[in-house]
mmCIF file of all heavy atoms, coordinates in Angstrom:
data_MODEL
# 
_entry.id   MODEL 
# 
loop_
_atom_site.group_PDB 
_atom_site.id 
_atom_site.type_symbol 
_atom_site.label_atom_id 
_atom_site.label_alt_id 
_atom_site.label_comp_id 
_atom_site.label_asym_id 
_atom_site.label_entity_id 
_atom_site.label_seq_id 
_atom_site.pdbx_PDB_ins_code 
_atom_site.Cartn_x 
_atom_site.Cartn_y 
_atom_site.Cartn_z 
_atom_site.occupancy 
_atom_site.B_iso_or_equiv 
_atom_site.pdbx_formal_charge 
_atom_site.auth_seq_id 
_atom_site.auth_comp_id 
_atom_site.auth_asym_id 
_atom_site.auth_atom_id 
_atom_site.pdbx_PDB_model_num 
ATOM 1   N N   . ILE A 1 1  ? 3.377  7.465  -6.469 1.00 0.00 ? 1  ILE A N   1 
ATOM 2   C CA  . ILE A 1 1  ? 4.420  8.433  -6.131 1.00 0.00 ? 1  ILE A CA  1 
ATOM 3   C C   . ILE A 1 1  ? 5.591  7.715  -5.473 1.00 0.00 ? 1  ILE A C   1 
ATOM 4   O O   . ILE A 1 1  ? 5.438  6.641  -4.883 1.00 0.00 ? 1  ILE A O   1 
ATOM 5   C CB  . ILE A 1 1  ? 3.897  9.546  -5.204 1.00 0.00 ? 1  ILE A CB  1 
ATOM 6   C CG1 . ILE A 1 1  ? 3.311  8.946  -3.920 1.00 0.00 ? 1  ILE A CG1 1 
ATOM 7   C CG2 . ILE A 1 1  ? 2.866  10.391 -5.916 1.00 0.00 ? 1  ILE A CG2 1 
ATOM 8   C CD1 . ILE A 1 1  ? 2.808  10.002 -2.950 1.00 0.00 ? 1  ILE A CD1 1 
ATOM 9   N N   . LYS A 1 2  ? 6.769  8.324  -5.551 1.00 0.00 ? 2  LYS A N   1 
ATOM 10  C CA  . LYS A 1 2  ? 7.987  7.701  -5.026 1.00 0.00 ? 2  LYS A CA  1 
ATOM 11  C C   . LYS A 1 2  ? 8.190  7.993  -3.541 1.00 0.00 ? 2  LYS A C   1 
ATOM 12  O O   . LYS A 1 2  ? 8.584  7.128  -2.768 1.00 0.00 ? 2  LYS A O   1 
ATOM 13  C CB  . LYS A 1 2  ? 9.204  8.191  -5.817 1.00 0.00 ? 2  LYS A CB  1 
ATOM 14  C CG  . LYS A 1 2  ? 10.530 7.573  -5.391 1.00 0.00 ? 2  LYS A CG  1 
ATOM 15  C CD  . LYS A 1 2  ? 11.655 8.073  -6.276 1.00 0.00 ? 2  LYS A CD  1 
ATOM 16  C CE  . LYS A 1 2  ? 12.978 7.402  -5.909 1.00 0.00 ? 2  LYS A CE  1 
ATOM 17  N NZ  . LYS A 1 2  ? 13.457 7.780  -4.563 1.00 0.00 ? 2  LYS A NZ  1 
ATOM 18  N N   . ASP A 1 3  ? 7.942  9.241  -3.129 1.00 0.00 ? 3  ASP A N   1 
ATOM 19  C CA  . ASP A 1 3  ? 8.120  9.656  -1.740 1.00 0.00 ? 3  ASP A CA  1 
ATOM 20  C C   . ASP A 1 3  ? 6.840  10.286 -1.215 1.00 0.00 ? 3  ASP A C   1 
ATOM 21  O O   . ASP A 1 3  ? 6.054  10.855 -1.982 1.00 0.00 ? 3  ASP A O   1 
ATOM 22  C CB  . ASP A 1 3  ? 9.271  10.663 -1.615 1.00 0.00 ? 3  ASP A CB  1 
ATOM 23  C CG  . ASP A 1 3  ? 10.614 10.071 -2.021 1.00 0.00 ? 3  ASP A CG  1 
ATOM 24  O OD1 . ASP A 1 3  ? 10.919 8.954  -1.572 1.00 0.00 ? 3  ASP A OD1 1 
ATOM 25  O OD2 . ASP A 1 3  ? 11.345 10.728 -2.788 1.00 0.00 ? 3  ASP A OD2 1 
ATOM 26  N N   . SER A 1 4  ? 6.677  10.225 0.098  1.00 0.00 ? 4  SER A N   1 
ATOM 27  C CA  . SER A 1 4  ? 5.484  10.833 0.692  1.00 0.00 ? 4  SER A CA  1 
ATOM 28  C C   . SER A 1 4  ? 5.556  12.350 0.655  1.00 0.00 ? 4  SER A C   1 
ATOM 29  O O   . SER A 1 4  ? 4.536  13.031 0.725  1.00 0.00 ? 4  SER A O   1 
ATOM 30  C CB  . SER A 1 4  ? 5.313  10.355 2.139  1.00 0.00 ? 4  SER A CB  1 
ATOM 31  O OG  . SER A 1 4  ? 6.391  10.807 2.951  1.00 0.00 ? 4  SER A OG  1 
ATOM 32  N N   . GLY A 1 5  ? 6.757  12.902 0.568  1.00 0.00 ? 5  GLY A N   1 
ATOM 33  C CA  . GLY A 1 5  ? 6.953  14.349 0.525  1.00 0.00 ? 5  GLY A CA  1 
ATOM 34  C C   . GLY A 1 5  ? 8.381  14.677 0.162  1.00 0.00 ? 5  GLY A C   1 
ATOM 35  O O   . GLY A 1 5  ? 9.180  13.785 -0.156 1.00 0.00 ? 5  GLY A O   1 
ATOM 36  N N   . ARG A 1 6  ? 8.710  15.964 0.248  1.00 0.00 ? 6  ARG A N   1 
ATOM 37  C CA  . ARG A 1 6  ? 10.056 16.409 -0.124 1.00 0.00 ? 6  ARG A CA  1 
ATOM 38  C C   . ARG A 1 6  ? 10.686 17.292 0.933  1.00 0.00 ? 6  ARG A C   1 
ATOM 39  O O   . ARG A 1 6  ? 11.685 17.955 0.676  1.00 0.00 ? 6  ARG A O   1 
ATOM 40  C CB  . ARG A 1 6  ? 9.989  17.186 -1.447 1.00 0.00 ? 6  ARG A CB  1 
ATOM 41  C CG  . ARG A 1 6  ? 9.456  16.381 -2.622 1.00 0.00 ? 6  ARG A CG  1 
ATOM 42  C CD  . ARG A 1 6  ? 9.411  17.231 -3.882 1.00 0.00 ? 6  ARG A CD  1 
ATOM 43  N NE  . ARG A 1 6  ? 8.882  16.486 -5.017 1.00 0.00 ? 6  ARG A NE  1 
ATOM 44  C CZ  . ARG A 1 6  ? 8.688  17.012 -6.224 1.00 0.00 ? 6  ARG A CZ  1 
ATOM 45  N NH1 . ARG A 1 6  ? 8.984  18.301 -6.442 1.00 0.00 ? 6  ARG A NH1 1 
ATOM 46  N NH2 . ARG A 1 6  ? 8.211  16.281 -7.204 1.00 0.00 ? 6  ARG A NH2 1 
ATOM 47  N N   . ILE A 1 7  ? 10.126 17.294 2.128  1.00 0.00 ? 7  ILE A N   1 
ATOM 48  C CA  . ILE A 1 7  ? 10.575 18.233 3.144  1.00 0.00 ? 7  ILE A CA  1 
ATOM 49  C C   . ILE A 1 7  ? 11.956 17.887 3.698  1.00 0.00 ? 7  ILE A C   1 
ATOM 50  O O   . ILE A 1 7  ? 12.667 18.752 4.213  1.00 0.00 ? 7  ILE A O   1 
ATOM 51  C CB  . ILE A 1 7  ? 9.538  18.319 4.291  1.00 0.00 ? 7  ILE A CB  1 
ATOM 52  C CG1 . ILE A 1 7  ? 9.812  19.537 5.159  1.00 0.00 ? 7  ILE A CG1 1 
ATOM 53  C CG2 . ILE A 1 7  ? 9.529  17.028 5.119  1.00 0.00 ? 7  ILE A CG2 1 
ATOM 54  C CD1 . ILE A 1 7  ? 8.718  19.823 6.175  1.00 0.00 ? 7  ILE A CD1 1 
ATOM 55  N N   . LEU A 1 8  ? 12.363 16.617 3.601  1.00 0.00 ? 8  LEU A N   1 
ATOM 56  C CA  . LEU A 1 8  ? 13.641 16.172 4.156  1.00 0.00 ? 8  LEU A CA  1 
ATOM 57  C C   . LEU A 1 8  ? 14.596 15.822 3.015  1.00 0.00 ? 8  LEU A C   1 
ATOM 58  O O   . LEU A 1 8  ? 14.452 14.765 2.394  1.00 0.00 ? 8  LEU A O   1 
ATOM 59  C CB  . LEU A 1 8  ? 13.444 14.952 5.067  1.00 0.00 ? 8  LEU A CB  1 
ATOM 60  C CG  . LEU A 1 8  ? 12.485 15.152 6.246  1.00 0.00 ? 8  LEU A CG  1 
ATOM 61  C CD1 . LEU A 1 8  ? 12.263 13.833 6.973  1.00 0.00 ? 8  LEU A CD1 1 
ATOM 62  C CD2 . LEU A 1 8  ? 13.017 16.220 7.200  1.00 0.00 ? 8  LEU A CD2 1 
ATOM 63  N N   . PRO A 1 9  ? 15.557 16.680 2.711  1.00 0.00 ? 9  PRO A N   1 
ATOM 64  C CA  . PRO A 1 9  ? 16.486 16.418 1.596  1.00 0.00 ? 9  PRO A CA  1 
ATOM 65  C C   . PRO A 1 9  ? 17.168 15.066 1.717  1.00 0.00 ? 9  PRO A C   1 
ATOM 66  O O   . PRO A 1 9  ? 17.756 14.737 2.750  1.00 0.00 ? 9  PRO A O   1 
ATOM 67  C CB  . PRO A 1 9  ? 17.502 17.568 1.719  1.00 0.00 ? 9  PRO A CB  1 
ATOM 68  C CG  . PRO A 1 9  ? 16.762 18.658 2.413  1.00 0.00 ? 9  PRO A CG  1 
ATOM 69  C CD  . PRO A 1 9  ? 15.847 17.960 3.377  1.00 0.00 ? 9  PRO A CD  1 
ATOM 70  N N   . GLY A 1 10 ? 17.065 14.275 0.664  1.00 0.00 ? 10 GLY A N   1 
ATOM 71  C CA  . GLY A 1 10 ? 17.694 12.960 0.655  1.00 0.00 ? 10 GLY A CA  1 
ATOM 72  C C   . GLY A 1 10 ? 16.894 11.871 1.336  1.00 0.00 ? 10 GLY A C   1 
ATOM 73  O O   . GLY A 1 10 ? 17.251 10.692 1.268  1.00 0.00 ? 10 GLY A O   1 
ATOM 74  N N   . HIS A 1 11 ? 15.819 12.245 2.014  1.00 0.00 ? 11 HIS A N   1 
ATOM 75  C CA  . HIS A 1 11 ? 15.027 11.272 2.771  1.00 0.00 ? 11 HIS A CA  1 
ATOM 76  C C   . HIS A 1 11 ? 13.569 11.228 2.356  1.00 0.00 ? 11 HIS A C   1 
ATOM 77  O O   . HIS A 1 11 ? 12.823 10.370 2.810  1.00 0.00 ? 11 HIS A O   1 
ATOM 78  C CB  . HIS A 1 11 ? 15.095 11.579 4.276  1.00 0.00 ? 11 HIS A CB  1 
ATOM 79  C CG  . HIS A 1 11 ? 16.425 11.307 4.891  1.00 0.00 ? 11 HIS A CG  1 
ATOM 80  N ND1 . HIS A 1 11 ? 16.736 10.124 5.524  1.00 0.00 ? 11 HIS A ND1 1 
ATOM 81  C CD2 . HIS A 1 11 ? 17.535 12.076 4.949  1.00 0.00 ? 11 HIS A CD2 1 
ATOM 82  C CE1 . HIS A 1 11 ? 17.988 10.184 5.965  1.00 0.00 ? 11 HIS A CE1 1 
ATOM 83  N NE2 . HIS A 1 11 ? 18.490 11.350 5.637  1.00 0.00 ? 11 HIS A NE2 1 
ATOM 84  N N   . GLY A 1 12 ? 13.126 12.173 1.525  1.00 0.00 ? 12 GLY A N   1 
ATOM 85  C CA  . GLY A 1 12 ? 11.721 12.204 1.149  1.00 0.00 ? 12 GLY A CA  1 
ATOM 86  C C   . GLY A 1 12 ? 10.909 12.991 2.147  1.00 0.00 ? 12 GLY A C   1 
ATOM 87  O O   . GLY A 1 12 ? 11.273 14.099 2.544  1.00 0.00 ? 12 GLY A O   1 
ATOM 88  N N   . GLY A 1 13 ? 9.800  12.398 2.590  1.00 0.00 ? 13 GLY A N   1 
ATOM 89  C CA  . GLY A 1 13 ? 8.910  13.090 3.510  1.00 0.00 ? 13 GLY A CA  1 
ATOM 90  C C   . GLY A 1 13 ? 8.980  12.553 4.925  1.00 0.00 ? 13 GLY A C   1 
ATOM 91  O O   . GLY A 1 13 ? 9.694  11.587 5.217  1.00 0.00 ? 13 GLY A O   1 
ATOM 92  N N   . VAL A 1 14 ? 8.201  13.182 5.804  1.00 0.00 ? 14 VAL A N   1 
ATOM 93  C CA  . VAL A 1 14 ? 8.152  12.757 7.201  1.00 0.00 ? 14 VAL A CA  1 
ATOM 94  C C   . VAL A 1 14 ? 7.582  11.348 7.322  1.00 0.00 ? 14 VAL A C   1 
ATOM 95  O O   . VAL A 1 14 ? 8.103  10.515 8.075  1.00 0.00 ? 14 VAL A O   1 
ATOM 96  C CB  . VAL A 1 14 ? 7.316  13.760 8.025  1.00 0.00 ? 14 VAL A CB  1 
ATOM 97  C CG1 . VAL A 1 14 ? 7.030  13.212 9.429  1.00 0.00 ? 14 VAL A CG1 1 
ATOM 98  C CG2 . VAL A 1 14 ? 8.034  15.091 8.120  1.00 0.00 ? 14 VAL A CG2 1 
ATOM 99  N N   . VAL A 1 15 ? 6.513  11.056 6.592  1.00 0.00 ? 15 VAL A N   1 
ATOM 100 C CA  . VAL A 1 15 ? 5.908  9.725  6.670  1.00 0.00 ? 15 VAL A CA  1 
ATOM 101 C C   . VAL A 1 15 ? 6.896  8.649  6.223  1.00 0.00 ? 15 VAL A C   1 
ATOM 102 O O   . VAL A 1 15 ? 6.892  7.533  6.759  1.00 0.00 ? 15 VAL A O   1 
ATOM 103 C CB  . VAL A 1 15 ? 4.609  9.665  5.836  1.00 0.00 ? 15 VAL A CB  1 
ATOM 104 C CG1 . VAL A 1 15 ? 4.049  8.250  5.799  1.00 0.00 ? 15 VAL A CG1 1 
ATOM 105 C CG2 . VAL A 1 15 ? 3.561  10.618 6.411  1.00 0.00 ? 15 VAL A CG2 1 
ATOM 106 N N   . ASP A 1 16 ? 7.761  8.981  5.271  1.00 0.00 ? 16 ASP A N   1 
ATOM 107 C CA  . ASP A 1 16 ? 8.788  8.032  4.849  1.00 0.00 ? 16 ASP A CA  1 
ATOM 108 C C   . ASP A 1 16 ? 9.724  7.673  5.997  1.00 0.00 ? 16 ASP A C   1 
ATOM 109 O O   . ASP A 1 16 ? 10.281 6.581  6.031  1.00 0.00 ? 16 ASP A O   1 
ATOM 110 C CB  . ASP A 1 16 ? 9.621  8.617  3.696  1.00 0.00 ? 16 ASP A CB  1 
ATOM 111 C CG  . ASP A 1 16 ? 8.832  8.683  2.401  1.00 0.00 ? 16 ASP A CG  1 
ATOM 112 O OD1 . ASP A 1 16 ? 8.121  7.727  2.096  1.00 0.00 ? 16 ASP A OD1 1 
ATOM 113 O OD2 . ASP A 1 16 ? 8.932  9.710  1.705  1.00 0.00 ? 16 ASP A OD2 1 
ATOM 114 N N   . ARG A 1 17 ? 9.916  8.587  6.921  1.00 0.00 ? 17 ARG A N   1 
ATOM 115 C CA  . ARG A 1 17 ? 10.844 8.365  8.019  1.00 0.00 ? 17 ARG A CA  1 
ATOM 116 C C   . ARG A 1 17 ? 10.166 7.754  9.251  1.00 0.00 ? 17 ARG A C   1 
ATOM 117 O O   . ARG A 1 17 ? 10.846 7.164  10.085 1.00 0.00 ? 17 ARG A O   1 
ATOM 118 C CB  . ARG A 1 17 ? 11.517 9.686  8.415  1.00 0.00 ? 17 ARG A CB  1 
ATOM 119 C CG  . ARG A 1 17 ? 12.375 10.282 7.313  1.00 0.00 ? 17 ARG A CG  1 
ATOM 120 C CD  . ARG A 1 17 ? 13.765 9.675  7.201  1.00 0.00 ? 17 ARG A CD  1 
ATOM 121 N NE  . ARG A 1 17 ? 13.789 8.236  6.925  1.00 0.00 ? 17 ARG A NE  1 
ATOM 122 C CZ  . ARG A 1 17 ? 13.651 7.692  5.716  1.00 0.00 ? 17 ARG A CZ  1 
ATOM 123 N NH1 . ARG A 1 17 ? 13.467 8.451  4.665  1.00 0.00 ? 17 ARG A NH1 1 
ATOM 124 N NH2 . ARG A 1 17 ? 13.705 6.381  5.562  1.00 0.00 ? 17 ARG A NH2 1 
ATOM 125 N N   . ILE A 1 18 ? 8.876  7.928  9.394  1.00 0.00 ? 18 ILE A N   1 
ATOM 126 C CA  . ILE A 1 18 ? 8.209  7.453  10.617 1.00 0.00 ? 18 ILE A CA  1 
ATOM 127 C C   . ILE A 1 18 ? 7.282  6.281  10.352 1.00 0.00 ? 18 ILE A C   1 
ATOM 128 O O   . ILE A 1 18 ? 6.563  5.855  11.265 1.00 0.00 ? 18 ILE A O   1 
ATOM 129 C CB  . ILE A 1 18 ? 7.425  8.586  11.312 1.00 0.00 ? 18 ILE A CB  1 
ATOM 130 C CG1 . ILE A 1 18 ? 6.236  9.036  10.455 1.00 0.00 ? 18 ILE A CG1 1 
ATOM 131 C CG2 . ILE A 1 18 ? 8.342  9.752  11.650 1.00 0.00 ? 18 ILE A CG2 1 
ATOM 132 C CD1 . ILE A 1 18 ? 5.288  9.993  11.164 1.00 0.00 ? 18 ILE A CD1 1 
ATOM 133 N N   . ASP A 1 19 ? 7.291  5.726  9.129  1.00 0.00 ? 19 ASP A N   1 
ATOM 134 C CA  . ASP A 1 19 ? 6.318  4.684  8.790  1.00 0.00 ? 19 ASP A CA  1 
ATOM 135 C C   . ASP A 1 19 ? 6.338  3.517  9.767  1.00 0.00 ? 19 ASP A C   1 
ATOM 136 O O   . ASP A 1 19 ? 5.296  3.080  10.260 1.00 0.00 ? 19 ASP A O   1 
ATOM 137 C CB  . ASP A 1 19 ? 6.524  4.199  7.346  1.00 0.00 ? 19 ASP A CB  1 
ATOM 138 C CG  . ASP A 1 19 ? 7.981  3.885  7.028  1.00 0.00 ? 19 ASP A CG  1 
ATOM 139 O OD1 . ASP A 1 19 ? 8.830  3.881  7.946  1.00 0.00 ? 19 ASP A OD1 1 
ATOM 140 O OD2 . ASP A 1 19 ? 8.277  3.642  5.848  1.00 0.00 ? 19 ASP A OD2 1 
ATOM 141 N N   . ALA A 1 20 ? 7.527  2.987  10.070 1.00 0.00 ? 20 ALA A N   1 
ATOM 142 C CA  . ALA A 1 20 ? 7.610  1.862  11.008 1.00 0.00 ? 20 ALA A CA  1 
ATOM 143 C C   . ALA A 1 20 ? 7.283  2.300  12.430 1.00 0.00 ? 20 ALA A C   1 
ATOM 144 O O   . ALA A 1 20 ? 6.649  1.557  13.201 1.00 0.00 ? 20 ALA A O   1 
ATOM 145 C CB  . ALA A 1 20 ? 9.003  1.240  10.950 1.00 0.00 ? 20 ALA A CB  1 
ATOM 146 N N   . LEU A 1 21 ? 7.683  3.522  12.798 1.00 0.00 ? 21 LEU A N   1 
ATOM 147 C CA  . LEU A 1 21 ? 7.394  4.038  14.136 1.00 0.00 ? 21 LEU A CA  1 
ATOM 148 C C   . LEU A 1 21 ? 5.897  4.177  14.378 1.00 0.00 ? 21 LEU A C   1 
ATOM 149 O O   . LEU A 1 21 ? 5.427  4.026  15.505 1.00 0.00 ? 21 LEU A O   1 
ATOM 150 C CB  . LEU A 1 21 ? 8.080  5.384  14.342 1.00 0.00 ? 21 LEU A CB  1 
ATOM 151 C CG  . LEU A 1 21 ? 9.609  5.365  14.446 1.00 0.00 ? 21 LEU A CG  1 
ATOM 152 C CD1 . LEU A 1 21 ? 10.153 6.783  14.370 1.00 0.00 ? 21 LEU A CD1 1 
ATOM 153 C CD2 . LEU A 1 21 ? 10.064 4.680  15.723 1.00 0.00 ? 21 LEU A CD2 1 
ATOM 154 N N   . LEU A 1 22 ? 5.150  4.472  13.325 1.00 0.00 ? 22 LEU A N   1 
ATOM 155 C CA  . LEU A 1 22 ? 3.692  4.600  13.465 1.00 0.00 ? 22 LEU A CA  1 
ATOM 156 C C   . LEU A 1 22 ? 3.088  3.318  14.032 1.00 0.00 ? 22 LEU A C   1 
ATOM 157 O O   . LEU A 1 22 ? 2.135  3.363  14.818 1.00 0.00 ? 22 LEU A O   1 
ATOM 158 C CB  . LEU A 1 22 ? 3.056  4.910  12.112 1.00 0.00 ? 22 LEU A CB  1 
ATOM 159 C CG  . LEU A 1 22 ? 3.328  6.280  11.499 1.00 0.00 ? 22 LEU A CG  1 
ATOM 160 C CD1 . LEU A 1 22 ? 2.717  6.369  10.102 1.00 0.00 ? 22 LEU A CD1 1 
ATOM 161 C CD2 . LEU A 1 22 ? 2.793  7.399  12.381 1.00 0.00 ? 22 LEU A CD2 1 
ATOM 162 N N   . ALA A 1 23 ? 3.631  2.171  13.626 1.00 0.00 ? 23 ALA A N   1 
ATOM 163 C CA  . ALA A 1 23 ? 3.093  0.887  14.067 1.00 0.00 ? 23 ALA A CA  1 
ATOM 164 C C   . ALA A 1 23 ? 3.694  0.404  15.375 1.00 0.00 ? 23 ALA A C   1 
ATOM 165 O O   . ALA A 1 23 ? 3.064  -0.372 16.100 1.00 0.00 ? 23 ALA A O   1 
ATOM 166 C CB  . ALA A 1 23 ? 3.316  -0.167 12.977 1.00 0.00 ? 23 ALA A CB  1 
ATOM 167 N N   . VAL A 1 24 ? 4.898  0.857  15.686 1.00 0.00 ? 24 VAL A N   1 
ATOM 168 C CA  . VAL A 1 24 ? 5.615  0.333  16.858 1.00 0.00 ? 24 VAL A CA  1 
ATOM 169 C C   . VAL A 1 24 ? 5.331  1.120  18.132 1.00 0.00 ? 24 VAL A C   1 
ATOM 170 O O   . VAL A 1 24 ? 5.211  0.542  19.220 1.00 0.00 ? 24 VAL A O   1 
ATOM 171 C CB  . VAL A 1 24 ? 7.136  0.305  16.577 1.00 0.00 ? 24 VAL A CB  1 
ATOM 172 C CG1 . VAL A 1 24 ? 7.932  -0.013 17.844 1.00 0.00 ? 24 VAL A CG1 1 
ATOM 173 C CG2 . VAL A 1 24 ? 7.451  -0.711 15.492 1.00 0.00 ? 24 VAL A CG2 1 
# 
């Protein structure tokens, strides 16, 4: 799949936005 979700227009999903934050 291309994006983790579609909830954020233009950004994909929440996991797409927090992936690096999850580790940091």
